[in-house]
Amino acid sequence: MNLDEHMVEKIILNSLGALSKSEEQELNNFQQNIEGKEVFAEFNNLVSQFSKLINLSPKKSVPFDRIKEKIFEKINPKKNSELQKDIDSDNDINFNLQHEKFGYIYADSDDWINLSIEGIKFKELAVNKEKGYIMLLMKIAAGAQYPSHHHNGAEECYILEGDLVAEGKTLGPGDFHHAEADSDHEPLYSNNGCTAILVLDAKDF
């Protein structure tokens, strides 16, 4: 799909949450077609990875120039130097330390962690080393089962969609499950597939 530089810039600004109100309608119309959705997914994935790199360690400097180069190459390999020059001169895009305070992971980002257990995968949403917890997005395919396990710390589980059977109870969208530290879970499984948010002790992941 051939995109002009103005459309590319709008997609980047949208992924960064910096699109002006006057440009939103034009971009919304473009996003409605199938090719537009594919382009959005690709750029959102890039921004998600970029955001994760920035937040790996706030105390360490991030090689912004090298990362930006890769992004520009992905956008337009033939004209990346010209496009980078244009964007760097635009006051609307400012890659400064303020971005270290925010992180974004889009729904279409391709950073799932596949477990050795067939049908179960996780996406790492947040890691808080100071408080010692991890937030994960979990997907369980229909019929998949997570084996019995011990909790070193407390575990929280919120069901977004589908069903999850925990301790003999079937949980659905909007249901919440808490397990205390030093508790033991019987096998967890889903009959029809499940998507859930997990918050657990870092020692348990």
Foldseek 3Di string as FASTA:
>chain_A
DDDDLVLVVQLLCVLVVLHDPVCVVVLVVQCVDPVNVVVSLVNNQLQQVVLCQLQPPVVDDDPVVVSLQVVLCVVPVVCSVVSVVVVVPDPSDDPDSVSNVDHDHDPSHDAWADDPFPQKIWDWDDADVVVQKTKIKMKGAAPTKDAKDAAQAKKKKAWCAAWKQWPNDIDGHGDIDIDGHGDITHMMHGHHMTIMMMMGGNVVD
